C-alpha atoms as a PDB file:
ATOM      1  CA  MET A   1       9.964 -21.409   1.055  1.00  0.00           C
ATOM      2  CA  PHE A   2      10.404 -17.611   1.277  1.00  0.00           C
ATOM      3  CA  GLY A   3      11.788 -17.384  -2.244  1.00  0.00           C
ATOM      4  CA  ASP A   4       8.746 -19.177  -3.672  1.00  0.00           C
ATOM      5  CA  TYR A   5       6.347 -17.192  -1.485  1.00  0.00           C
ATOM      6  CA  THR A   6       7.924 -13.913  -2.614  1.00  0.00           C
ATOM      7  CA  ALA A   7       7.699 -14.893  -6.293  1.00  0.00           C
ATOM      8  CA  LEU A   8       4.021 -15.823  -5.901  1.00  0.00           C
ATOM      9  CA  PHE A   9       3.189 -12.569  -4.096  1.00  0.00           C
ATOM     10  CA  ASN A  10       4.911 -10.496  -6.781  1.00  0.00           C
ATOM     11  CA  ALA A  11       3.116 -12.392  -9.567  1.00  0.00           C
ATOM     12  CA  VAL A  12      -0.299 -11.846  -7.948  1.00  0.00           C
ATOM     13  CA  SER A  13       0.381  -8.186  -7.165  1.00  0.00           C
ATOM     14  CA  SER A  14       1.821  -7.292 -10.569  1.00  0.00           C
ATOM     15  CA  PHE A  15      -1.285  -8.707 -12.271  1.00  0.00           C
ATOM     16  CA  ASP A  16      -3.605  -5.857 -11.223  1.00  0.00           C
ATOM     17  CA  ASN A  17      -2.202  -3.820  -8.306  1.00  0.00           C
ATOM     18  CA  PRO A  18      -1.840  -0.154  -9.386  1.00  0.00           C
ATOM     19  CA  ASP A  19       0.754   0.354  -6.598  1.00  0.00           C
ATOM     20  CA  HIS A  20       2.734  -2.803  -7.289  1.00  0.00           C
ATOM     21  CA  VAL A  21       6.346  -2.994  -6.144  1.00  0.00           C
ATOM     22  CA  GLU A  22       8.582  -6.047  -6.331  1.00  0.00           C
ATOM     23  CA  PHE A  23       9.184  -7.170  -2.753  1.00  0.00           C
ATOM     24  CA  SER A  24      12.327  -8.979  -1.716  1.00  0.00           C
ATOM     25  CA  GLU A  25      12.709 -12.334   0.038  1.00  0.00           C
ATOM     26  CA  ASP A  26      14.193 -10.590   3.094  1.00  0.00           C
ATOM     27  CA  TYR A  27      10.993  -8.562   3.478  1.00  0.00           C
ATOM     28  CA  PHE A  28       8.898 -11.697   3.970  1.00  0.00           C
ATOM     29  CA  LYS A  29      11.482 -13.363   6.193  1.00  0.00           C
ATOM     30  CA  SER A  30      11.179 -10.359   8.513  1.00  0.00           C
ATOM     31  CA  SER A  31       7.387 -10.228   8.234  1.00  0.00           C
ATOM     32  CA  PHE A  32       6.927 -13.864   9.241  1.00  0.00           C
ATOM     33  CA  SER A  33       9.304 -13.589  12.198  1.00  0.00           C
ATOM     34  CA  GLN A  34       6.430 -12.347  14.357  1.00  0.00           C
ATOM     35  CA  PRO A  35       6.043 -14.404  17.556  1.00  0.00           C
ATOM     36  CA  ARG A  36       2.447 -15.346  16.752  1.00  0.00           C
ATOM     37  CA  VAL A  37       3.131 -16.612  13.199  1.00  0.00           C
ATOM     38  CA  ASP A  38       3.805 -20.362  13.131  1.00  0.00           C
ATOM     39  CA  LEU A  39       5.210 -21.326   9.725  1.00  0.00           C
ATOM     40  CA  ALA A  40       4.217 -24.968  10.230  1.00  0.00           C
ATOM     41  CA  ASN A  41       0.569 -24.290  11.065  1.00  0.00           C
ATOM     42  CA  ASP A  42      -0.295 -20.845   9.711  1.00  0.00           C
ATOM     43  CA  ILE A  43       0.669 -21.262   6.045  1.00  0.00           C
ATOM     44  CA  VAL A  44      -0.573 -23.724   3.414  1.00  0.00           C
ATOM     45  CA  LEU A  45       1.191 -24.020   0.044  1.00  0.00           C
ATOM     46  CA  VAL A  46      -0.133 -25.420  -3.234  1.00  0.00           C
ATOM     47  CA  ARG A  47       2.316 -26.585  -5.922  1.00  0.00           C
ATOM     48  CA  ASN A  48       1.821 -27.868  -9.448  1.00  0.00           C
ATOM     49  CA  PHE A  49       3.258 -31.119 -10.786  1.00  0.00           C
ATOM     50  CA  ASP A  50       6.541 -29.366 -11.555  1.00  0.00           C
ATOM     51  CA  GLY A  51       6.892 -28.230  -7.959  1.00  0.00           C
ATOM     52  CA  GLU A  52       6.147 -24.568  -8.675  1.00  0.00           C
ATOM     53  CA  LEU A  53       4.196 -22.662  -6.033  1.00  0.00           C
ATOM     54  CA  VAL A  54       0.852 -21.648  -7.570  1.00  0.00           C
ATOM     55  CA  ALA A  55      -1.203 -20.710  -4.497  1.00  0.00           C
ATOM     56  CA  SER A  56      -0.911 -20.067  -0.796  1.00  0.00           C
ATOM     57  CA  GLY A  57      -3.095 -19.451   2.223  1.00  0.00           C
ATOM     58  CA  THR A  58      -1.979 -17.667   5.374  1.00  0.00           C
ATOM     59  CA  ILE A  59      -3.504 -17.224   8.822  1.00  0.00           C
ATOM     60  CA  PHE A  60      -2.360 -14.240  10.880  1.00  0.00           C
ATOM     61  CA  PRO A  61      -3.573 -14.842  14.460  1.00  0.00           C
ATOM     62  CA  GLN A  62      -4.503 -11.709  16.410  1.00  0.00           C
ATOM     63  CA  ASN A  63      -4.051 -11.070  20.107  1.00  0.00           C
ATOM     64  CA  THR A  64      -7.692 -10.221  20.794  1.00  0.00           C
ATOM     65  CA  THR A  65     -10.689 -11.412  22.797  1.00  0.00           C
ATOM     66  CA  PRO A  66     -12.710 -13.050  21.322  1.00  0.00           C
ATOM     67  CA  ALA A  67     -10.075 -14.812  19.239  1.00  0.00           C
ATOM     68  CA  LYS A  68      -9.701 -13.378  15.728  1.00  0.00           C
ATOM     69  CA  SER A  69      -7.463 -14.039  12.770  1.00  0.00           C
ATOM     70  CA  ARG A  70      -6.774 -12.407   9.433  1.00  0.00           C
ATOM     71  CA  ILE A  71      -6.589 -14.752   6.476  1.00  0.00           C
ATOM     72  CA  MET A  72      -5.077 -14.224   3.047  1.00  0.00           C
ATOM     73  CA  VAL A  73      -5.440 -16.345  -0.089  1.00  0.00           C
ATOM     74  CA  GLN A  74      -3.189 -15.935  -3.128  1.00  0.00           C
ATOM     75  CA  VAL A  75      -3.566 -17.739  -6.441  1.00  0.00           C
ATOM     76  CA  HIS A  76      -1.177 -17.245  -9.343  1.00  0.00           C
ATOM     77  CA  PRO A  77      -2.950 -15.468 -12.260  1.00  0.00           C
ATOM     78  CA  ASP A  78      -2.270 -18.464 -14.538  1.00  0.00           C
ATOM     79  CA  TYR A  79      -4.110 -20.840 -12.168  1.00  0.00           C
ATOM     80  CA  ARG A  80      -7.273 -18.896 -11.377  1.00  0.00           C
ATOM     81  CA  CYS A  81     -10.804 -20.222 -11.954  1.00  0.00           C
ATOM     82  CA  GLN A  82      -9.712 -23.809 -11.284  1.00  0.00           C
ATOM     83  CA  GLY A  83     -11.135 -24.189  -7.771  1.00  0.00           C
ATOM     84  CA  ILE A  84      -7.752 -23.793  -6.072  1.00  0.00           C
ATOM     85  CA  GLY A  85      -8.731 -20.656  -4.159  1.00  0.00           C
ATOM     86  CA  THR A  86     -11.910 -22.343  -2.899  1.00  0.00           C
ATOM     87  CA  LYS A  87      -9.950 -25.284  -1.503  1.00  0.00           C
ATOM     88  CA  VAL A  88      -7.357 -23.050   0.145  1.00  0.00           C
ATOM     89  CA  LEU A  89     -10.043 -20.871   1.755  1.00  0.00           C
ATOM     90  CA  HIS A  90     -11.899 -23.966   3.010  1.00  0.00           C
ATOM     91  CA  TYR A  91      -8.665 -25.240   4.572  1.00  0.00           C
ATOM     92  CA  LEU A  92      -8.064 -21.913   6.328  1.00  0.00           C
ATOM     93  CA  THR A  93     -11.592 -21.662   7.717  1.00  0.00           C
ATOM     94  CA  GLN A  94     -11.558 -25.275   8.950  1.00  0.00           C
ATOM     95  CA  ASN A  95      -8.145 -24.719  10.518  1.00  0.00           C
ATOM     96  CA  SER A  96      -9.484 -21.616  12.272  1.00  0.00           C
ATOM     97  CA  ILE A  97     -12.493 -23.503  13.666  1.00  0.00           C
ATOM     98  CA  GLU A  98     -10.268 -26.315  14.984  1.00  0.00           C
ATOM     99  CA  ARG A  99      -8.046 -23.762  16.734  1.00  0.00           C
ATOM    100  CA  GLY A 100     -10.963 -22.109  18.523  1.00  0.00           C
ATOM    101  CA  ILE A 101     -10.888 -18.905  16.486  1.00  0.00           C
ATOM    102  CA  ASP A 102     -14.279 -17.167  16.617  1.00  0.00           C
ATOM    103  CA  LEU A 103     -13.933 -14.744  13.719  1.00  0.00           C
ATOM    104  CA  SER A 104     -11.876 -14.536  10.519  1.00  0.00           C
ATOM    105  CA  LEU A 105     -11.271 -11.332   8.596  1.00  0.00           C
ATOM    106  CA  CYS A 106      -9.994 -10.834   5.074  1.00  0.00           C
ATOM    107  CA  ARG A 107      -9.019  -7.632   3.279  1.00  0.00           C
ATOM    108  CA  ILE A 108      -9.761  -7.152  -0.426  1.00  0.00           C
ATOM    109  CA  PRO A 109      -8.899  -4.075  -2.511  1.00  0.00           C
ATOM    110  CA  SER A 110     -11.691  -2.445  -4.483  1.00  0.00           C
ATOM    111  CA  TYR A 111      -9.852  -3.053  -7.775  1.00  0.00           C
ATOM    112  CA  ARG A 112     -10.492  -6.805  -7.384  1.00  0.00           C
ATOM    113  CA  PRO A 113     -14.287  -7.201  -7.806  1.00  0.00           C
ATOM    114  CA  TYR A 114     -13.842 -10.895  -8.644  1.00  0.00           C
ATOM    115  CA  ALA A 115     -12.276 -11.491  -5.209  1.00  0.00           C
ATOM    116  CA  ILE A 116     -15.109  -9.582  -3.511  1.00  0.00           C
ATOM    117  CA  SER A 117     -17.667 -11.824  -5.221  1.00  0.00           C
ATOM    118  CA  PHE A 118     -15.583 -14.860  -4.289  1.00  0.00           C
ATOM    119  CA  VAL A 119     -15.701 -14.264  -0.524  1.00  0.00           C
ATOM    120  CA  LYS A 120     -19.334 -13.111  -0.539  1.00  0.00           C
ATOM    121  CA  ASN A 121     -20.337 -16.372  -2.206  1.00  0.00           C
ATOM    122  CA  ARG A 122     -18.544 -18.291   0.542  1.00  0.00           C
ATOM    123  CA  GLY A 123     -20.287 -16.820   3.555  1.00  0.00           C
ATOM    124  CA  PHE A 124     -18.249 -13.699   4.293  1.00  0.00           C
ATOM    125  CA  GLU A 125     -20.047 -10.450   5.147  1.00  0.00           C
ATOM    126  CA  LYS A 126     -18.882  -6.860   4.684  1.00  0.00           C
ATOM    127  CA  ASP A 127     -17.549  -5.449   7.963  1.00  0.00           C
ATOM    128  CA  HIS A 128     -15.765  -2.141   7.391  1.00  0.00           C
ATOM    129  CA  THR A 129     -13.785  -0.154   4.824  1.00  0.00           C
ATOM    130  CA  TRP A 130     -10.380   1.493   4.699  1.00  0.00           C
ATOM    131  CA  ILE A 131      -9.509   4.291   2.291  1.00  0.00           C
ATOM    132  CA  LYS A 132      -6.061   4.120   0.678  1.00  0.00           C
ATOM    133  CA  MET A 133      -4.638   7.647   0.287  1.00  0.00           C
ATOM    134  CA  GLN A 134      -1.388   8.922  -1.211  1.00  0.00           C
ATOM    135  CA  PHE A 135       0.682  12.093  -0.955  1.00  0.00           C
ATOM    136  CA  GLU A 136       3.332  13.165  -3.486  1.00  0.00           C
ATOM    137  CA  HIS A 137       6.456  14.784  -2.000  1.00  0.00           C
ATOM    138  CA  LYS A 138       7.392  17.890  -3.994  1.00  0.00           C
ATOM    139  CA  ILE A 139       8.468  20.572  -1.522  1.00  0.00           C
ATOM    140  CA  PRO A 140       8.739  20.666   2.293  1.00  0.00           C
ATOM    141  CA  GLY A 141       5.495  21.502   4.082  1.00  0.00           C
ATOM    142  CA  LYS A 142       4.816  24.928   5.561  1.00  0.00           C
ATOM    143  CA  PRO A 143       5.506  25.400   9.303  1.00  0.00           C
ATOM    144  CA  PHE A 144       2.559  25.415  11.704  1.00  0.00           C
ATOM    145  CA  ILE A 145       1.668  28.019  14.317  1.00  0.00           C
ATOM    146  CA  LEU A 146       0.426  26.094  17.355  1.00  0.00           C
ATOM    147  CA  HIS A 147      -0.282  26.605  21.020  1.00  0.00           C
ATOM    148  CA  TRP A 148       2.825  27.231  23.067  1.00  0.00           C
ATOM    149  CA  GLY A 149       4.100  24.017  24.614  1.00  0.00           C
ATOM    150  CA  PHE A 150       3.703  21.567  21.717  1.00  0.00           C
ATOM    151  CA  ARG A 151       6.739  20.037  20.045  1.00  0.00           C
ATOM    152  CA  VAL A 152       7.750  16.923  18.119  1.00  0.00           C
ATOM    153  CA  ARG A 153      10.743  14.684  18.724  1.00  0.00           C
ATOM    154  CA  GLY A 154      11.985  11.298  17.603  1.00  0.00           C
ATOM    155  CA  LEU A 155      11.208   8.198  19.654  1.00  0.00           C
ATOM    156  CA  ASN A 156      14.197   6.419  21.204  1.00  0.00           C
ATOM    157  CA  VAL A 157      13.433   2.840  20.130  1.00  0.00           C
ATOM    158  CA  LYS A 158      16.153   1.440  22.410  1.00  0.00           C
ATOM    159  CA  LYS A 159      14.576   2.869  25.564  1.00  0.00           C
ATOM    160  CA  GLU A 160      10.985   3.869  24.807  1.00  0.00           C
ATOM    161  CA  LEU A 161       9.162   0.803  23.494  1.00  0.00           C
ATOM    162  CA  PRO A 162       6.884   0.814  26.592  1.00  0.00           C
ATOM    163  CA  LEU A 163       5.973   4.449  25.825  1.00  0.00           C
ATOM    164  CA  TRP A 164       5.305   3.551  22.183  1.00  0.00           C
ATOM    165  CA  ALA A 165       2.962   0.710  23.205  1.00  0.00           C
ATOM    166  CA  GLN A 166       1.195   2.820  25.855  1.00  0.00           C
ATOM    167  CA  LEU A 167       0.618   5.749  23.496  1.00  0.00           C
ATOM    168  CA  GLN A 168      -0.555   3.618  20.595  1.00  0.00           C
ATOM    169  CA  ASN A 169      -2.947   1.622  22.763  1.00  0.00           C
ATOM    170  CA  GLU A 170      -4.426   4.799  24.271  1.00  0.00           C
ATOM    171  CA  ILE A 171      -4.869   6.451  20.878  1.00  0.00           C
ATOM    172  CA  PHE A 172      -6.671   3.476  19.342  1.00  0.00           C
ATOM    173  CA  GLU A 173      -8.477   2.112  22.426  1.00  0.00           C
ATOM    174  CA  ASP A 174     -11.917   2.841  20.931  1.00  0.00           C
ATOM    175  CA  ASP A 175     -11.178   1.081  17.625  1.00  0.00           C
ATOM    176  CA  SER A 176     -12.815  -2.351  17.743  1.00  0.00           C
ATOM    177  CA  HIS A 177     -10.512  -3.551  14.938  1.00  0.00           C
ATOM    178  CA  TYR A 178      -7.297  -2.529  16.693  1.00  0.00           C
ATOM    179  CA  GLU A 179      -4.918  -5.188  18.016  1.00  0.00           C
ATOM    180  CA  PRO A 180      -3.158  -3.942  21.184  1.00  0.00           C
ATOM    181  CA  ALA A 181       0.598  -3.508  21.001  1.00  0.00           C
ATOM    182  CA  ASP A 182       3.136  -4.647  23.579  1.00  0.00           C
ATOM    183  CA  VAL A 183       6.914  -4.497  23.908  1.00  0.00           C
ATOM    184  CA  GLU A 184       7.306  -7.961  22.407  1.00  0.00           C
ATOM    185  CA  SER A 185       5.362  -7.147  19.245  1.00  0.00           C
ATOM    186  CA  LEU A 186       7.139  -3.789  18.845  1.00  0.00           C
ATOM    187  CA  THR A 187      10.526  -5.461  19.262  1.00  0.00           C
ATOM    188  CA  THR A 188       9.648  -7.657  16.305  1.00  0.00           C
ATOM    189  CA  LEU A 189       8.628  -4.596  14.279  1.00  0.00           C
ATOM    190  CA  ILE A 190      11.873  -2.707  14.841  1.00  0.00           C
ATOM    191  CA  ASN A 191      13.834  -5.780  13.753  1.00  0.00           C
ATOM    192  CA  HIS A 192      12.021  -5.835  10.405  1.00  0.00           C
ATOM    193  CA  SER A 193      14.240  -5.227   7.380  1.00  0.00           C
ATOM    194  CA  SER A 194      12.221  -2.139   6.372  1.00  0.00           C
ATOM    195  CA  PHE A 195      12.341  -0.350   9.741  1.00  0.00           C
ATOM    196  CA  ASP A 196      13.790   3.187   9.896  1.00  0.00           C
ATOM    197  CA  PRO A 197      14.197   4.515  13.489  1.00  0.00           C
ATOM    198  CA  ASN A 198      14.320   8.099  12.192  1.00  0.00           C
ATOM    199  CA  LEU A 199      10.668   7.939  11.120  1.00  0.00           C
ATOM    200  CA  ILE A 200       9.067   7.226  14.519  1.00  0.00           C
ATOM    201  CA  LEU A 201       7.892  10.503  16.070  1.00  0.00           C
ATOM    202  CA  VAL A 202       6.261  11.541  19.335  1.00  0.00           C
ATOM    203  CA  GLY A 203       4.232  14.714  19.861  1.00  0.00           C
ATOM    204  CA  LEU A 204       4.494  16.363  23.284  1.00  0.00           C
ATOM    205  CA  PHE A 205       2.434  19.038  25.035  1.00  0.00           C
ATOM    206  CA  ASN A 206       4.248  20.602  27.980  1.00  0.00           C
ATOM    207  CA  GLU A 207       6.652  17.647  27.643  1.00  0.00           C
ATOM    208  CA  LYS A 208       3.823  15.125  28.098  1.00  0.00           C
ATOM    209  CA  PRO A 209       3.622  12.556  25.240  1.00  0.00           C
ATOM    210  CA  ILE A 210       0.217  12.979  23.571  1.00  0.00           C
ATOM    211  CA  GLY A 211       0.706  11.820  19.972  1.00  0.00           C
ATOM    212  CA  LEU A 212       2.430   9.292  17.788  1.00  0.00           C
ATOM    213  CA  CYS A 213       3.240   8.987  14.087  1.00  0.00           C
ATOM    214  CA  SER A 214       5.396   6.358  12.393  1.00  0.00           C
ATOM    215  CA  GLY A 215       6.643   5.957   8.857  1.00  0.00           C
ATOM    216  CA  TRP A 216       7.626   2.630   7.325  1.00  0.00           C
ATOM    217  CA  PRO A 217       9.720   2.470   4.145  1.00  0.00           C
ATOM    218  CA  ILE A 218       8.157   0.215   1.530  1.00  0.00           C
ATOM    219  CA  ASN A 219      11.120  -1.899   0.541  1.00  0.00           C
ATOM    220  CA  SER A 220      11.120  -3.326  -2.954  1.00  0.00           C
ATOM    221  CA  LYS A 221      13.800  -5.056  -4.915  1.00  0.00           C
ATOM    222  CA  PRO A 222      16.563  -2.498  -5.483  1.00  0.00           C
ATOM    223  CA  THR A 223      16.613  -0.912  -8.946  1.00  0.00           C
ATOM    224  CA  GLU A 224      18.202   2.310 -10.131  1.00  0.00           C
ATOM    225  CA  SER A 225      14.849   3.812 -11.110  1.00  0.00           C
ATOM    226  CA  ARG A 226      12.980   2.783  -7.969  1.00  0.00           C
ATOM    227  CA  LYS A 227      11.062   5.574  -6.252  1.00  0.00           C
ATOM    228  CA  LYS A 228      11.182   5.673  -2.487  1.00  0.00           C
ATOM    229  CA  LYS A 229       7.820   5.400  -0.754  1.00  0.00           C
ATOM    230  CA  VAL A 230       6.929   5.526   2.939  1.00  0.00           C
ATOM    231  CA  GLN A 231       3.784   4.179   4.592  1.00  0.00           C
ATOM    232  CA  ILE A 232       2.270   6.202   7.459  1.00  0.00           C
ATOM    233  CA  GLN A 233       1.105   3.999  10.354  1.00  0.00           C
ATOM    234  CA  GLY A 234       0.021   4.450  13.966  1.00  0.00           C
ATOM    235  CA  MET A 235      -0.879   8.113  13.407  1.00  0.00           C
ATOM    236  CA  GLY A 236      -2.943   9.725  16.148  1.00  0.00           C
ATOM    237  CA  ILE A 237      -3.406  12.035  19.150  1.00  0.00           C
ATOM    238  CA  VAL A 238      -4.842  10.953  22.504  1.00  0.00           C
ATOM    239  CA  LYS A 239      -8.510  11.914  22.854  1.00  0.00           C
ATOM    240  CA  LYS A 240      -8.090  14.830  25.312  1.00  0.00           C
ATOM    241  CA  TYR A 241      -5.817  16.771  22.919  1.00  0.00           C
ATOM    242  CA  ARG A 242      -7.584  16.234  19.601  1.00  0.00           C
ATOM    243  CA  LYS A 243      -9.017  18.934  17.304  1.00  0.00           C
ATOM    244  CA  GLN A 244      -6.268  21.425  18.155  1.00  0.00           C
ATOM    245  CA  GLY A 245      -4.030  20.949  15.105  1.00  0.00           C
ATOM    246  CA  TYR A 246      -1.492  18.709  16.834  1.00  0.00           C
ATOM    247  CA  GLY A 247      -2.165  15.733  14.578  1.00  0.00           C
ATOM    248  CA  GLN A 248      -1.673  17.798  11.429  1.00  0.00           C
ATOM    249  CA  ALA A 249       1.579  19.257  12.777  1.00  0.00           C
ATOM    250  CA  LEU A 250       2.856  15.807  13.741  1.00  0.00           C
ATOM    251  CA  LEU A 251       2.018  14.389  10.324  1.00  0.00           C
ATOM    252  CA  PHE A 252       3.703  17.247   8.456  1.00  0.00           C
ATOM    253  CA  GLU A 253       6.851  16.828  10.542  1.00  0.00           C
ATOM    254  CA  LEU A 254       7.029  13.207   9.445  1.00  0.00           C
ATOM    255  CA  LEU A 255       6.340  14.119   5.808  1.00  0.00           C
ATOM    256  CA  ASN A 256       9.116  16.726   5.910  1.00  0.00           C
ATOM    257  CA  ARG A 257      11.592  14.254   7.405  1.00  0.00           C
ATOM    258  CA  ALA A 258      10.658  11.701   4.761  1.00  0.00           C
ATOM    259  CA  PHE A 259      11.093  14.325   2.019  1.00  0.00           C
ATOM    260  CA  LEU A 260      14.572  15.223   3.289  1.00  0.00           C
ATOM    261  CA  LYS A 261      15.502  11.523   3.311  1.00  0.00           C
ATOM    262  CA  GLY A 262      14.602  11.241  -0.376  1.00  0.00           C
ATOM    263  CA  TYR A 263      11.118   9.723  -0.244  1.00  0.00           C
ATOM    264  CA  THR A 264       9.013  10.712  -3.242  1.00  0.00           C
ATOM    265  CA  SER A 265       5.576   9.728  -1.915  1.00  0.00           C
ATOM    266  CA  SER A 266       3.723   8.686   1.233  1.00  0.00           C
ATOM    267  CA  GLU A 267       0.654   6.529   1.639  1.00  0.00           C
ATOM    268  CA  LEU A 268      -1.723   5.577   4.437  1.00  0.00           C
ATOM    269  CA  VAL A 269      -5.046   3.891   5.097  1.00  0.00           C
ATOM    270  CA  VAL A 270      -7.861   5.365   7.178  1.00  0.00           C
ATOM    271  CA  GLN A 271     -11.257   3.998   8.162  1.00  0.00           C
ATOM    272  CA  SER A 272     -13.975   5.468   5.944  1.00  0.00           C
ATOM    273  CA  SER A 273     -16.120   6.083   9.051  1.00  0.00           C
ATOM    274  CA  ASN A 274     -13.449   8.354  10.586  1.00  0.00           C
ATOM    275  CA  SER A 275     -14.580  11.580   8.908  1.00  0.00           C
ATOM    276  CA  ALA A 276     -12.311  13.807  11.013  1.00  0.00           C
ATOM    277  CA  ALA A 277      -9.166  11.904  10.008  1.00  0.00           C
ATOM    278  CA  CYS A 278     -10.248  11.727   6.353  1.00  0.00           C
ATOM    279  CA  SER A 279     -10.766  15.492   6.338  1.00  0.00           C
ATOM    280  CA  MET A 280      -7.373  16.153   7.943  1.00  0.00           C
ATOM    281  CA  TYR A 281      -5.500  13.953   5.462  1.00  0.00           C
ATOM    282  CA  THR A 282      -7.273  15.648   2.559  1.00  0.00           C
ATOM    283  CA  LYS A 283      -6.259  19.081   3.903  1.00  0.00           C
ATOM    284  CA  CYS A 284      -2.670  17.824   4.136  1.00  0.00           C
ATOM    285  CA  GLY A 285      -2.690  16.943   0.423  1.00  0.00           C
ATOM    286  CA  PHE A 286      -3.492  13.221   0.506  1.00  0.00           C
ATOM    287  CA  LYS A 287      -5.746  11.910  -2.268  1.00  0.00           C
ATOM    288  CA  GLU A 288      -7.813   8.720  -2.361  1.00  0.00           C
ATOM    289  CA  LYS A 289      -6.494   5.987  -4.647  1.00  0.00           C
ATOM    290  CA  TYR A 290      -8.808   3.069  -3.902  1.00  0.00           C
ATOM    291  CA  ARG A 291     -10.386   1.242  -0.972  1.00  0.00           C
ATOM    292  CA  TYR A 292      -9.797  -1.872   1.088  1.00  0.00           C
ATOM    293  CA  LEU A 293     -12.988  -3.755   1.898  1.00  0.00           C
ATOM    294  CA  TRP A 294     -12.865  -5.926   5.012  1.00  0.00           C
ATOM    295  CA  PHE A 295     -15.067  -9.013   5.210  1.00  0.00           C
ATOM    296  CA  LYS A 296     -15.741 -11.226   8.210  1.00  0.00           C
ATOM    297  CA  LYS A 297     -16.981 -14.735   8.895  1.00  0.00           C
ATOM    298  CA  MET A 298     -18.210 -15.897  12.289  1.00  0.00           C
ATOM    299  CA  TYR A 299     -17.741 -19.507  13.423  1.00  0.00           C
END
């Protein structure tokens, strides 16, 4: 199943994604090993008469109250405009209702206006927007002059998963779209094929953990000409210590470590409503590429 799913994803992405990379089968095997993803109930596959996978639908349950899920529909470019996507989406929404899910979310990039029209015509409403930003690694960043007492160190993933969860949950506690982390979910993350323990950093003030920044290599199929890219996730400072330059220093430390490990670019997504974060990333050299529009449907 994973081989077919990978081939379908790569076909859909390569059709119009300006950041397309060819993902490997191992990447999706790791991704679907999450405890809350049930391969028997959370994925629907559509095949043609020759047995080739031409479409899929996936439900990603979220650990929230009220119950939410993220849904994703993929249709091979050669099989679009045949009603397949409509049937897959109907199956996913009916499945969500039967399972007691109150709200479904779907994420659509701004370069797919046809997909935006598709979900709007089927009862989904715009909820929020993420901005996709990218940074090109050329030279190491300049050192920062900060208040005495702040430093950055790597996170010990063998011993400090509870600290990781606690910090991340505190940083994003006011984000209504955030799904709380726990040791179980983080254990799954560090077992993913793309995980690099050297790119998980903690910021400390007087030895007290106050910030977190993680980088995730974007693994594609290995080729000699492949450029190495890292995705910035979980970046933030706890509320009491914000607006003092600590976030910028933490981010630049991660960018420098990524540069020294041979990464040629970094990317991240940030909520369009978070003007402070958008401004900081722009000052750090990140530039907007496109946007992710999130749509929701209540049941």
